Amino acid sequence: MDAIRKTTASAVPRRRALLGAAIGLAFTSVPHDAGAVHSEGAFRRAGNLVVYLGVVPAAVVRGHPPEHTGKSMHGGAPEGRYVHHLLVAVFEEATGARVTDAAVTATIHGRRHSPETRIALEPMTLDGATVYGGFATLPPRDYYRLEVEVRRPGAAPVRAIFPHRHFQP
């Protein structure tokens, strides 16, 4: 029984490290085959784009040291118990090229919480690559539909819809 506990205990940090690496790849590398690296919940193909979404507690941003560039992004992380940082990376599906010229918004629909919220996601640099981000409040114990809209010059808007379960206490 102790051997089982040791094996299980050592597997948890390894799984967390692998999950962190997979999420990091979504925002720093060009996807060759998006399905090979990420779970289906992490990305959506929409129109001619591949859209990746990450949802990170704002407490992570608040925890950066004062000199860290992420500390002041989007005017700083707002106070609040259920504030999260939404991160979106967008790529052209055919070429894998990162999209850096878009206006990106997220509309958050909660099953139990209303009204819906629409936020502009600002372009930002993460590990030398352009991503789009912004803060949103996601009250706990709800199912959300996060609708990401990407508008590029001279192209029709593209929408990618992500389900998100949020059960933070």
N, C-alpha and C. Protein backbone atom coordinates (compact mmCIF):
# COMPACT_ATOMS: atom_id res chain seq x y z
N MET A 1 0.82 -1.19 0.00
CA MET A 1 0.00 0.00 0.00
C MET A 1 0.86 1.26 0.00
N ASP A 2 1.96 1.28 0.78
CA ASP A 2 2.85 2.44 0.80
C ASP A 2 3.49 2.66 -0.57
N ALA A 3 3.80 1.57 -1.27
CA ALA A 3 4.40 1.69 -2.61
C ALA A 3 3.41 2.36 -3.57
N ILE A 4 2.13 2.04 -3.43
CA ILE A 4 1.11 2.66 -4.28
C ILE A 4 1.02 4.15 -3.97
N ARG A 5 1.01 4.52 -2.68
CA ARG A 5 0.93 5.93 -2.30
C ARG A 5 2.13 6.72 -2.84
N LYS A 6 3.35 6.11 -2.75
CA LYS A 6 4.55 6.78 -3.24
C LYS A 6 4.46 6.99 -4.75
N THR A 7 4.00 5.96 -5.48
CA THR A 7 3.88 6.07 -6.93
C THR A 7 2.87 7.14 -7.30
N THR A 8 1.71 7.15 -6.63
CA THR A 8 0.67 8.14 -6.91
C THR A 8 1.16 9.54 -6.56
N ALA A 9 1.83 9.69 -5.41
CA ALA A 9 2.32 11.01 -4.99
C ALA A 9 3.35 11.55 -5.96
N SER A 10 4.22 10.68 -6.49
CA SER A 10 5.23 11.17 -7.42
C SER A 10 4.64 11.46 -8.79
N ALA A 11 3.52 10.86 -9.14
CA ALA A 11 2.90 11.09 -10.44
C ALA A 11 2.20 12.44 -10.51
N VAL A 12 1.70 12.95 -9.38
CA VAL A 12 0.96 14.22 -9.38
C VAL A 12 1.83 15.38 -9.84
N PRO A 13 3.04 15.60 -9.26
CA PRO A 13 3.87 16.71 -9.76
C PRO A 13 4.26 16.53 -11.23
N ARG A 14 4.47 15.29 -11.65
CA ARG A 14 4.83 15.03 -13.05
C ARG A 14 3.68 15.42 -13.97
N ARG A 15 2.44 15.09 -13.59
CA ARG A 15 1.26 15.45 -14.39
C ARG A 15 1.10 16.96 -14.45
N ARG A 16 1.30 17.63 -13.32
CA ARG A 16 1.20 19.10 -13.30
C ARG A 16 2.24 19.73 -14.21
N ALA A 17 3.46 19.18 -14.18
CA ALA A 17 4.52 19.72 -15.03
C ALA A 17 4.19 19.51 -16.51
N LEU A 18 3.66 18.34 -16.85
CA LEU A 18 3.28 18.07 -18.24
C LEU A 18 2.14 18.98 -18.68
N LEU A 19 1.15 19.19 -17.82
CA LEU A 19 0.04 20.08 -18.15
C LEU A 19 0.55 21.50 -18.35
N GLY A 20 1.42 21.97 -17.47
CA GLY A 20 1.99 23.30 -17.60
C GLY A 20 2.77 23.45 -18.90
N ALA A 21 3.52 22.43 -19.27
CA ALA A 21 4.28 22.47 -20.52
C ALA A 21 3.35 22.53 -21.72
N ALA A 22 2.26 21.76 -21.68
CA ALA A 22 1.31 21.77 -22.80
C ALA A 22 0.65 23.13 -22.96
N ILE A 23 0.26 23.75 -21.84
CA ILE A 23 -0.36 25.08 -21.91
C ILE A 23 0.64 26.09 -22.43
N GLY A 24 1.87 26.02 -21.95
CA GLY A 24 2.91 26.94 -22.42
C GLY A 24 3.16 26.81 -23.91
N LEU A 25 3.12 25.59 -24.43
CA LEU A 25 3.32 25.39 -25.86
C LEU A 25 2.24 26.08 -26.68
N ALA A 26 1.03 26.14 -26.15
CA ALA A 26 -0.07 26.78 -26.89
C ALA A 26 0.20 28.24 -27.13
N PHE A 27 0.95 28.88 -26.25
CA PHE A 27 1.16 30.31 -26.37
C PHE A 27 2.53 30.69 -26.90
N THR A 28 3.44 29.74 -27.03
CA THR A 28 4.78 30.12 -27.47
C THR A 28 5.23 29.45 -28.75
N SER A 29 4.54 28.43 -29.22
CA SER A 29 5.00 27.75 -30.42
C SER A 29 3.93 27.74 -31.49
N VAL A 30 4.35 27.57 -32.71
CA VAL A 30 3.42 27.48 -33.82
C VAL A 30 2.89 26.06 -33.87
N PRO A 31 1.57 25.89 -33.98
CA PRO A 31 1.01 24.54 -33.97
C PRO A 31 1.22 23.85 -35.31
N HIS A 32 1.87 22.71 -35.31
CA HIS A 32 2.00 21.92 -36.54
C HIS A 32 0.76 21.06 -36.69
N ASP A 33 0.36 20.42 -35.63
CA ASP A 33 -0.91 19.70 -35.60
C ASP A 33 -1.47 19.92 -34.21
N ALA A 34 -2.38 20.87 -34.11
CA ALA A 34 -2.88 21.29 -32.80
C ALA A 34 -3.44 20.12 -32.01
N GLY A 35 -4.06 19.16 -32.66
CA GLY A 35 -4.65 18.04 -31.95
C GLY A 35 -3.62 17.13 -31.32
N ALA A 36 -2.40 17.16 -31.79
CA ALA A 36 -1.38 16.26 -31.27
C ALA A 36 -0.86 16.69 -29.92
N VAL A 37 -0.92 17.99 -29.62
CA VAL A 37 -0.30 18.47 -28.40
C VAL A 37 -1.32 18.79 -27.31
N HIS A 38 -2.50 19.21 -27.69
CA HIS A 38 -3.44 19.76 -26.73
C HIS A 38 -4.73 18.96 -26.67
N SER A 39 -5.38 19.03 -25.50
CA SER A 39 -6.68 18.41 -25.38
C SER A 39 -7.67 19.21 -26.20
N GLU A 40 -8.81 18.63 -26.52
CA GLU A 40 -9.78 19.32 -27.35
C GLU A 40 -10.30 20.60 -26.71
N GLY A 41 -10.28 20.69 -25.38
CA GLY A 41 -10.79 21.88 -24.71
C GLY A 41 -9.88 23.08 -24.84
N ALA A 42 -8.62 22.91 -25.19
CA ALA A 42 -7.65 24.01 -25.20
C ALA A 42 -7.69 24.82 -26.48
N PHE A 43 -8.23 24.31 -27.57
CA PHE A 43 -8.22 25.04 -28.83
C PHE A 43 -9.48 24.75 -29.63
N ARG A 44 -9.72 25.64 -30.59
CA ARG A 44 -10.83 25.46 -31.52
C ARG A 44 -10.35 25.89 -32.90
N ARG A 45 -10.79 25.17 -33.90
CA ARG A 45 -10.62 25.59 -35.29
C ARG A 45 -11.88 26.37 -35.65
N ALA A 46 -11.69 27.57 -36.16
CA ALA A 46 -12.83 28.42 -36.53
C ALA A 46 -12.45 29.20 -37.78
N GLY A 47 -13.27 29.10 -38.81
CA GLY A 47 -12.93 29.74 -40.06
C GLY A 47 -11.59 29.22 -40.53
N ASN A 48 -10.67 30.11 -40.82
CA ASN A 48 -9.33 29.70 -41.26
C ASN A 48 -8.30 29.85 -40.15
N LEU A 49 -8.79 29.88 -38.89
CA LEU A 49 -7.91 30.11 -37.74
C LEU A 49 -7.93 28.95 -36.77
N VAL A 50 -6.89 28.87 -35.97
CA VAL A 50 -6.85 28.00 -34.79
C VAL A 50 -6.71 28.94 -33.61
N VAL A 51 -7.64 28.82 -32.65
CA VAL A 51 -7.68 29.73 -31.50
C VAL A 51 -7.46 28.90 -30.24
N TYR A 52 -6.47 29.32 -29.44
CA TYR A 52 -6.17 28.67 -28.17
C TYR A 52 -6.64 29.58 -27.04
N LEU A 53 -7.16 28.97 -25.97
CA LEU A 53 -7.63 29.74 -24.81
C LEU A 53 -7.01 29.18 -23.54
N GLY A 54 -6.54 30.09 -22.69
CA GLY A 54 -6.07 29.74 -21.35
C GLY A 54 -6.79 30.60 -20.34
N VAL A 55 -7.16 30.01 -19.21
CA VAL A 55 -7.82 30.74 -18.12
C VAL A 55 -6.97 30.53 -16.87
N VAL A 56 -6.39 31.64 -16.36
CA VAL A 56 -5.45 31.57 -15.24
C VAL A 56 -5.96 32.46 -14.11
N PRO A 57 -5.97 31.99 -12.86
CA PRO A 57 -6.38 32.87 -11.76
C PRO A 57 -5.54 34.13 -11.72
N ALA A 58 -6.18 35.27 -11.49
CA ALA A 58 -5.46 36.56 -11.43
C ALA A 58 -4.46 36.58 -10.28
N ALA A 59 -4.67 35.75 -9.29
CA ALA A 59 -3.73 35.70 -8.16
C ALA A 59 -2.32 35.36 -8.64
N VAL A 60 -2.21 34.62 -9.73
CA VAL A 60 -0.90 34.30 -10.29
C VAL A 60 -0.22 35.58 -10.76
N VAL A 61 -0.98 36.46 -11.41
CA VAL A 61 -0.43 37.74 -11.89
C VAL A 61 -0.10 38.64 -10.70
N ARG A 62 -0.99 38.69 -9.72
CA ARG A 62 -0.73 39.52 -8.54
C ARG A 62 0.53 39.08 -7.80
N GLY A 63 0.89 37.82 -7.94
CA GLY A 63 2.04 37.27 -7.24
C GLY A 63 3.38 37.58 -7.89
N HIS A 64 3.37 38.19 -9.08
CA HIS A 64 4.64 38.55 -9.73
C HIS A 64 5.36 39.60 -8.90
N PRO A 65 6.69 39.58 -8.90
CA PRO A 65 7.45 40.64 -8.22
C PRO A 65 7.21 41.97 -8.92
N PRO A 66 7.38 43.10 -8.21
CA PRO A 66 7.09 44.43 -8.77
C PRO A 66 7.79 44.73 -10.10
N GLU A 67 9.01 44.21 -10.29
CA GLU A 67 9.75 44.51 -11.52
C GLU A 67 9.30 43.66 -12.71
N HIS A 68 8.48 42.65 -12.48
CA HIS A 68 8.01 41.76 -13.56
C HIS A 68 7.05 42.53 -14.47
N THR A 69 7.24 42.40 -15.79
CA THR A 69 6.41 43.14 -16.73
C THR A 69 4.94 42.72 -16.66
N GLY A 70 4.65 41.51 -16.26
CA GLY A 70 3.27 41.04 -16.18
C GLY A 70 2.47 41.67 -15.06
N LYS A 71 3.15 42.26 -14.08
CA LYS A 71 2.48 42.85 -12.92
C LYS A 71 1.52 43.97 -13.32
N SER A 72 1.87 44.75 -14.37
CA SER A 72 1.05 45.89 -14.73
C SER A 72 0.22 45.68 -15.99
N MET A 73 0.24 44.47 -16.57
CA MET A 73 -0.50 44.28 -17.81
C MET A 73 -1.98 44.56 -17.62
N HIS A 74 -2.56 45.14 -18.62
CA HIS A 74 -3.99 45.52 -18.64
C HIS A 74 -4.34 46.44 -17.46
N GLY A 75 -3.38 47.24 -17.01
CA GLY A 75 -3.63 48.14 -15.89
C GLY A 75 -3.52 47.46 -14.54
N GLY A 76 -3.02 46.24 -14.49
CA GLY A 76 -2.88 45.49 -13.24
C GLY A 76 -4.09 44.61 -12.98
N ALA A 77 -3.89 43.55 -12.27
CA ALA A 77 -4.98 42.62 -11.95
C ALA A 77 -5.96 43.29 -11.00
N PRO A 78 -7.23 43.33 -11.35
CA PRO A 78 -8.21 43.93 -10.45
C PRO A 78 -8.38 43.09 -9.19
N GLU A 79 -8.78 43.75 -8.14
CA GLU A 79 -9.06 43.03 -6.91
C GLU A 79 -10.35 42.25 -7.09
N GLY A 80 -10.49 41.18 -6.38
CA GLY A 80 -11.70 40.38 -6.45
C GLY A 80 -11.36 38.93 -6.24
N ARG A 81 -12.30 38.24 -5.73
CA ARG A 81 -12.07 36.84 -5.37
C ARG A 81 -12.05 35.89 -6.55
N TYR A 82 -12.81 36.18 -7.59
CA TYR A 82 -12.94 35.23 -8.70
C TYR A 82 -12.44 35.79 -10.02
N VAL A 83 -11.45 36.66 -9.95
CA VAL A 83 -10.91 37.29 -11.16
C VAL A 83 -9.91 36.33 -11.81
N HIS A 84 -10.03 36.21 -13.13
CA HIS A 84 -9.15 35.35 -13.91
C HIS A 84 -8.58 36.12 -15.09
N HIS A 85 -7.42 35.69 -15.55
CA HIS A 85 -6.79 36.28 -16.73
C HIS A 85 -7.07 35.34 -17.90
N LEU A 86 -7.74 35.86 -18.91
CA LEU A 86 -7.99 35.09 -20.13
C LEU A 86 -6.84 35.36 -21.09
N LEU A 87 -6.29 34.33 -21.66
CA LEU A 87 -5.20 34.43 -22.63
C LEU A 87 -5.63 33.72 -23.91
N VAL A 88 -5.47 34.39 -25.04
CA VAL A 88 -5.86 33.82 -26.33
C VAL A 88 -4.68 33.94 -27.29
N ALA A 89 -4.33 32.85 -27.93
CA ALA A 89 -3.33 32.85 -29.00
C ALA A 89 -4.05 32.43 -30.27
N VAL A 90 -3.75 33.12 -31.37
CA VAL A 90 -4.45 32.87 -32.64
C VAL A 90 -3.42 32.59 -33.73
N PHE A 91 -3.70 31.56 -34.54
CA PHE A 91 -2.83 31.16 -35.63
C PHE A 91 -3.65 30.95 -36.90
N GLU A 92 -3.03 31.18 -38.05
CA GLU A 92 -3.65 30.82 -39.32
C GLU A 92 -3.56 29.31 -39.45
N GLU A 93 -4.66 28.67 -39.74
CA GLU A 93 -4.66 27.21 -39.81
C GLU A 93 -3.77 26.68 -40.93
N ALA A 94 -3.84 27.29 -42.10
CA ALA A 94 -3.11 26.77 -43.27
C ALA A 94 -1.59 26.88 -43.12
N THR A 95 -1.13 28.00 -42.55
CA THR A 95 0.32 28.24 -42.51
C THR A 95 0.95 28.07 -41.14
N GLY A 96 0.11 28.13 -40.09
CA GLY A 96 0.64 28.08 -38.74
C GLY A 96 1.19 29.42 -38.27
N ALA A 97 1.04 30.46 -39.10
CA ALA A 97 1.56 31.79 -38.73
C ALA A 97 0.72 32.38 -37.59
N ARG A 98 1.41 32.98 -36.66
CA ARG A 98 0.73 33.63 -35.53
C ARG A 98 0.03 34.88 -36.04
N VAL A 99 -1.20 35.11 -35.57
CA VAL A 99 -1.98 36.30 -35.93
C VAL A 99 -1.66 37.39 -34.93
N THR A 100 -1.16 38.52 -35.44
CA THR A 100 -0.76 39.62 -34.57
C THR A 100 -1.49 40.92 -34.88
N ASP A 101 -2.37 40.89 -35.89
CA ASP A 101 -3.04 42.12 -36.33
C ASP A 101 -4.54 42.11 -36.08
N ALA A 102 -4.98 41.42 -35.06
CA ALA A 102 -6.42 41.24 -34.83
C ALA A 102 -6.93 42.09 -33.67
N ALA A 103 -8.22 42.34 -33.70
CA ALA A 103 -8.94 42.87 -32.54
C ALA A 103 -9.69 41.66 -31.97
N VAL A 104 -9.43 41.34 -30.72
CA VAL A 104 -9.99 40.13 -30.12
C VAL A 104 -10.85 40.51 -28.92
N THR A 105 -12.04 39.94 -28.85
CA THR A 105 -12.94 40.13 -27.70
C THR A 105 -13.38 38.78 -27.18
N ALA A 106 -13.77 38.77 -25.93
CA ALA A 106 -14.33 37.56 -25.32
C ALA A 106 -15.68 37.93 -24.71
N THR A 107 -16.67 37.12 -24.98
CA THR A 107 -17.98 37.28 -24.37
C THR A 107 -18.19 36.07 -23.47
N ILE A 108 -18.51 36.35 -22.21
CA ILE A 108 -18.63 35.30 -21.21
C ILE A 108 -20.10 35.11 -20.87
N HIS A 109 -20.59 33.91 -21.10
CA HIS A 109 -21.97 33.56 -20.79
C HIS A 109 -21.95 32.53 -19.67
N GLY A 110 -22.56 32.84 -18.54
CA GLY A 110 -22.66 31.88 -17.45
C GLY A 110 -24.05 31.27 -17.43
N ARG A 111 -24.12 30.00 -17.10
CA ARG A 111 -25.43 29.35 -17.03
C ARG A 111 -26.24 29.90 -15.85
N ARG A 112 -25.56 30.14 -14.72
CA ARG A 112 -26.26 30.59 -13.51
C ARG A 112 -26.05 32.07 -13.22
N HIS A 113 -24.98 32.65 -13.71
CA HIS A 113 -24.66 34.04 -13.41
C HIS A 113 -24.92 34.91 -14.64
N SER A 114 -25.52 36.04 -14.41
CA SER A 114 -25.78 36.96 -15.52
C SER A 114 -25.41 38.35 -15.05
N PRO A 115 -25.31 39.31 -15.84
CA PRO A 115 -25.50 39.27 -17.29
C PRO A 115 -24.24 38.78 -17.98
N GLU A 116 -24.36 38.57 -19.28
CA GLU A 116 -23.15 38.20 -20.01
C GLU A 116 -22.18 39.37 -19.98
N THR A 117 -20.90 39.05 -20.06
CA THR A 117 -19.86 40.08 -20.01
C THR A 117 -19.05 40.03 -21.29
N ARG A 118 -18.77 41.19 -21.84
CA ARG A 118 -17.94 41.29 -23.05
C ARG A 118 -16.70 42.12 -22.71
N ILE A 119 -15.52 41.56 -22.99
CA ILE A 119 -14.29 42.29 -22.70
C ILE A 119 -13.38 42.29 -23.94
N ALA A 120 -12.70 43.40 -24.12
CA ALA A 120 -11.69 43.48 -25.17
C ALA A 120 -10.42 42.84 -24.65
N LEU A 121 -9.83 41.97 -25.44
CA LEU A 121 -8.56 41.33 -25.06
C LEU A 121 -7.44 42.11 -25.75
N GLU A 122 -6.53 42.61 -24.95
CA GLU A 122 -5.45 43.47 -25.45
C GLU A 122 -4.28 42.63 -25.96
N PRO A 123 -3.64 43.09 -27.05
CA PRO A 123 -2.43 42.39 -27.48
C PRO A 123 -1.34 42.57 -26.43
N MET A 124 -0.59 41.53 -26.20
CA MET A 124 0.50 41.57 -25.24
C MET A 124 1.58 40.60 -25.70
N THR A 125 2.75 40.72 -25.14
CA THR A 125 3.85 39.83 -25.51
C THR A 125 4.10 38.85 -24.38
N LEU A 126 4.12 37.59 -24.73
CA LEU A 126 4.40 36.53 -23.77
C LEU A 126 5.50 35.67 -24.37
N ASP A 127 6.64 35.64 -23.72
CA ASP A 127 7.79 34.89 -24.22
C ASP A 127 8.15 35.29 -25.65
N GLY A 128 8.04 36.58 -25.96
CA GLY A 128 8.40 37.09 -27.27
C GLY A 128 7.34 36.90 -28.34
N ALA A 129 6.19 36.38 -27.99
CA ALA A 129 5.13 36.14 -28.97
C ALA A 129 3.87 36.93 -28.60
N THR A 130 3.11 37.34 -29.62
CA THR A 130 1.89 38.10 -29.38
C THR A 130 0.74 37.18 -28.99
N VAL A 131 0.11 37.51 -27.89
CA VAL A 131 -1.12 36.86 -27.45
C VAL A 131 -2.08 37.99 -27.06
N TYR A 132 -3.31 37.66 -26.78
CA TYR A 132 -4.31 38.64 -26.40
C TYR A 132 -4.82 38.27 -25.02
N GLY A 133 -4.99 39.29 -24.14
CA GLY A 133 -5.38 38.97 -22.78
C GLY A 133 -6.24 40.04 -22.15
N GLY A 134 -6.92 39.63 -21.10
CA GLY A 134 -7.74 40.54 -20.32
C GLY A 134 -8.27 39.82 -19.08
N PHE A 135 -8.78 40.60 -18.15
CA PHE A 135 -9.29 40.04 -16.90
C PHE A 135 -10.80 39.92 -16.93
N ALA A 136 -11.29 38.85 -16.34
CA ALA A 136 -12.73 38.60 -16.25
C ALA A 136 -13.05 37.98 -14.90
N THR A 137 -14.23 38.26 -14.41
CA THR A 137 -14.69 37.66 -13.16
C THR A 137 -15.54 36.44 -13.50
N LEU A 138 -15.16 35.30 -12.94
CA LEU A 138 -15.89 34.04 -13.16
C LEU A 138 -16.35 33.50 -11.81
N PRO A 139 -17.57 33.87 -11.40
CA PRO A 139 -18.06 33.33 -10.12
C PRO A 139 -18.03 31.80 -10.14
N PRO A 140 -17.85 31.21 -8.97
CA PRO A 140 -17.66 29.75 -8.91
C PRO A 140 -18.95 28.97 -9.14
N ARG A 141 -18.73 27.68 -9.26
CA ARG A 141 -19.81 26.70 -9.39
C ARG A 141 -20.76 27.03 -10.54
N ASP A 142 -20.17 27.17 -11.73
CA ASP A 142 -20.98 27.48 -12.89
C ASP A 142 -20.35 26.87 -14.14
N TYR A 143 -21.17 26.72 -15.15
CA TYR A 143 -20.72 26.33 -16.48
C TYR A 143 -20.74 27.58 -17.33
N TYR A 144 -19.66 27.83 -18.04
CA TYR A 144 -19.56 29.02 -18.86
C TYR A 144 -19.38 28.65 -20.33
N ARG A 145 -19.82 29.57 -21.17
CA ARG A 145 -19.51 29.51 -22.59
C ARG A 145 -18.69 30.77 -22.87
N LEU A 146 -17.43 30.57 -23.24
CA LEU A 146 -16.54 31.68 -23.54
C LEU A 146 -16.46 31.79 -25.06
N GLU A 147 -16.97 32.89 -25.58
CA GLU A 147 -17.00 33.10 -27.02
C GLU A 147 -15.92 34.11 -27.38
N VAL A 148 -14.94 33.65 -28.15
CA VAL A 148 -13.83 34.50 -28.56
C VAL A 148 -14.08 34.94 -30.00
N GLU A 149 -14.06 36.25 -30.23
CA GLU A 149 -14.25 36.78 -31.58
C GLU A 149 -12.95 37.43 -32.04
N VAL A 150 -12.51 37.04 -33.22
CA VAL A 150 -11.28 37.55 -33.81
C VAL A 150 -11.66 38.34 -35.07
N ARG A 151 -11.31 39.63 -35.07
CA ARG A 151 -11.55 40.50 -36.23
C ARG A 151 -10.20 40.93 -36.79
N ARG A 152 -10.01 40.60 -38.07
CA ARG A 152 -8.78 40.98 -38.77
C ARG A 152 -9.12 41.94 -39.88
N PRO A 153 -8.22 42.85 -40.20
CA PRO A 153 -8.47 43.79 -41.30
C PRO A 153 -8.79 43.06 -42.60
N GLY A 154 -9.89 43.46 -43.23
CA GLY A 154 -10.26 42.89 -44.53
C GLY A 154 -10.84 41.48 -44.48
N ALA A 155 -11.14 40.97 -43.31
CA ALA A 155 -11.67 39.61 -43.19
C ALA A 155 -12.94 39.61 -42.34
N ALA A 156 -13.78 38.64 -42.57
CA ALA A 156 -15.00 38.49 -41.76
C ALA A 156 -14.61 38.06 -40.34
N PRO A 157 -15.38 38.49 -39.34
CA PRO A 157 -15.08 38.06 -37.96
C PRO A 157 -15.17 36.54 -37.84
N VAL A 158 -14.34 36.00 -36.99
CA VAL A 158 -14.33 34.55 -36.72
C VAL A 158 -14.63 34.36 -35.25
N ARG A 159 -15.53 33.42 -34.94
CA ARG A 159 -15.89 33.14 -33.54
C ARG A 159 -15.51 31.71 -33.18
N ALA A 160 -14.89 31.59 -32.03
CA ALA A 160 -14.55 30.27 -31.47
C ALA A 160 -15.22 30.18 -30.11
N ILE A 161 -15.92 29.10 -29.86
CA ILE A 161 -16.67 28.95 -28.60
C ILE A 161 -16.03 27.85 -27.77
N PHE A 162 -15.75 28.19 -26.51
CA PHE A 162 -15.11 27.27 -25.57
C PHE A 162 -16.03 27.03 -24.39
N PRO A 163 -16.33 25.79 -24.05
CA PRO A 163 -17.02 25.53 -22.79
C PRO A 163 -16.01 25.63 -21.66
N HIS A 164 -16.44 26.10 -20.52
CA HIS A 164 -15.53 26.22 -19.37
C HIS A 164 -16.32 25.91 -18.10
N ARG A 165 -15.89 24.90 -17.37
CA ARG A 165 -16.49 24.59 -16.07
C ARG A 165 -15.64 25.22 -15.00
N HIS A 166 -16.30 25.92 -14.09
CA HIS A 166 -15.56 26.62 -13.06
C HIS A 166 -16.15 26.29 -11.70
N PHE A 167 -15.42 25.51 -10.91
CA PHE A 167 -15.94 25.05 -9.63
C PHE A 167 -15.07 25.47 -8.47
N GLN A 168 -14.33 26.58 -8.61
CA GLN A 168 -13.51 27.11 -7.52
C GLN A 168 -14.44 27.39 -6.32
N PRO A 169 -14.03 27.00 -5.12
CA PRO A 169 -14.91 27.24 -3.95
C PRO A 169 -15.08 28.71 -3.65
